[in-house]
C-alpha cells in the first residue's frame, strides 16, 4: 500500500496515523492478510503467497522487537555471523 492521506491522518503501509485523535491504528490480521493477497499477481503460486505472508509477519515481529528494545548492535551481528563460518 502506498503512503497517502487517510481520514485526517496518514497511511503508511498497514499503519494508519490519525492526527485528530493522536492515535495509531493497526488493521486486524485478517485485513493485513487480505491486503497482501490482493497485492499478489493473479498467477502467484501457493508457495509465493506463503513466502510473502511469512515475510510480512517476520517484519512485523522485528518491528515489535525493535520497539521493545530487543536489538543487537551491528558489531555484535558481525561477531555472530563470524561464528557461523567456523
Protein backbone atom coordinates (compact mmCIF):
# COMPACT_ATOMS: atom_id res chain seq x y z
CA UNK A 1 0.00 0.00 0.00
CA UNK A 2 1.40 3.37 -0.92
CA UNK A 3 1.61 6.24 1.53
CA UNK A 4 -1.15 8.80 1.27
CA UNK A 5 -3.79 10.77 3.09
CA UNK A 6 -6.09 8.78 5.34
CA UNK A 7 -9.08 10.43 7.08
CA UNK A 8 -7.27 13.38 8.61
CA UNK A 9 -4.07 11.45 9.04
CA UNK A 10 -1.67 9.39 7.05
CA UNK A 11 -1.49 5.79 5.83
CA UNK A 12 1.96 4.17 5.90
CA UNK A 13 1.82 0.58 4.75
CA UNK A 14 -0.57 -1.11 7.17
CA UNK A 15 -0.39 1.57 9.86
CA UNK A 16 -2.88 4.44 9.92
CA UNK A 17 -1.88 7.56 11.83
CA UNK A 18 -4.86 9.67 12.90
CA UNK A 19 -3.66 13.20 13.65
CA UNK A 20 -7.00 14.36 15.04
CA UNK A 21 -7.23 11.64 17.67
CA UNK A 22 -3.43 11.27 18.02
CA UNK A 23 -3.52 7.51 17.73
CA UNK A 24 -2.04 4.77 15.60
CA UNK A 25 -4.46 2.18 14.26
CA UNK A 26 -3.24 -1.25 13.22
CA UNK A 27 -5.55 -3.23 10.95
CA UNK A 28 -6.57 -6.72 12.03
CA UNK A 29 -4.52 -9.73 10.96
CA UNK A 30 -7.31 -10.63 8.54
CA UNK A 31 -7.17 -7.17 6.95
CA UNK A 32 -3.38 -7.37 6.63
CA UNK A 33 -3.52 -10.83 5.03
CA UNK A 34 -6.29 -9.72 2.67
CA UNK A 35 -4.17 -6.75 1.55
CA UNK A 36 -1.12 -8.93 0.95
CA UNK A 37 -3.22 -11.39 -1.07
CA UNK A 38 -4.79 -8.63 -3.14
CA UNK A 39 -1.34 -7.20 -3.94
CA UNK A 40 -0.11 -10.51 -5.40
CA UNK A 41 -0.20 -11.15 -9.14
CA UNK A 42 -3.06 -13.41 -10.27
CA UNK A 43 -0.60 -16.10 -11.35
CA UNK A 44 1.15 -16.28 -7.94
CA UNK A 45 1.85 -19.78 -6.70
CA UNK A 46 0.81 -21.04 -3.29
CA UNK A 47 4.46 -21.01 -2.20
CA UNK A 48 4.99 -17.42 -3.39
CA UNK A 49 1.96 -16.25 -1.42
CA UNK A 50 3.11 -18.12 1.70
CA UNK A 51 6.56 -16.52 1.34
CA UNK A 52 5.00 -13.05 1.18
CA UNK A 53 2.82 -13.73 4.22
CA UNK A 54 5.81 -15.10 6.17
CA UNK A 55 7.95 -12.10 5.18
CA UNK A 56 5.28 -9.62 6.34
CA UNK A 57 4.97 -11.47 9.66
CA UNK A 58 8.75 -11.52 10.21
CA UNK A 59 8.95 -7.77 9.55
CA UNK A 60 6.05 -7.12 11.95
CA UNK A 61 7.70 -9.22 14.68
CA UNK A 62 11.04 -7.49 14.08
CA UNK A 63 9.45 -4.07 14.49
CA UNK A 64 7.81 -5.16 17.74
CA UNK A 65 11.18 -6.43 19.00
CA UNK A 66 12.85 -3.18 17.98
CA UNK A 67 10.21 -1.07 19.72
CA UNK A 68 10.73 -3.18 22.86
CA UNK A 69 14.48 -2.63 22.74
CA UNK A 70 15.27 -6.24 21.82
CA UNK A 71 18.04 -5.41 19.36
CA UNK A 72 21.75 -6.02 18.98
CA UNK A 73 24.47 -3.77 17.62
CA UNK A 74 25.97 -4.01 14.15
CA UNK A 75 29.23 -5.16 15.74
CA UNK A 76 27.50 -7.95 17.67
CA UNK A 77 25.74 -9.04 14.48
CA UNK A 78 29.13 -9.26 12.77
CA UNK A 79 30.56 -11.36 15.62
CA UNK A 80 27.61 -13.75 15.47
CA UNK A 81 27.90 -14.16 11.71
CA UNK A 82 31.61 -14.98 12.03
CA UNK A 83 30.73 -17.90 14.35
CA UNK A 84 28.57 -19.40 11.59
CA UNK A 85 31.61 -19.73 9.36
CA UNK A 86 33.55 -21.94 11.82
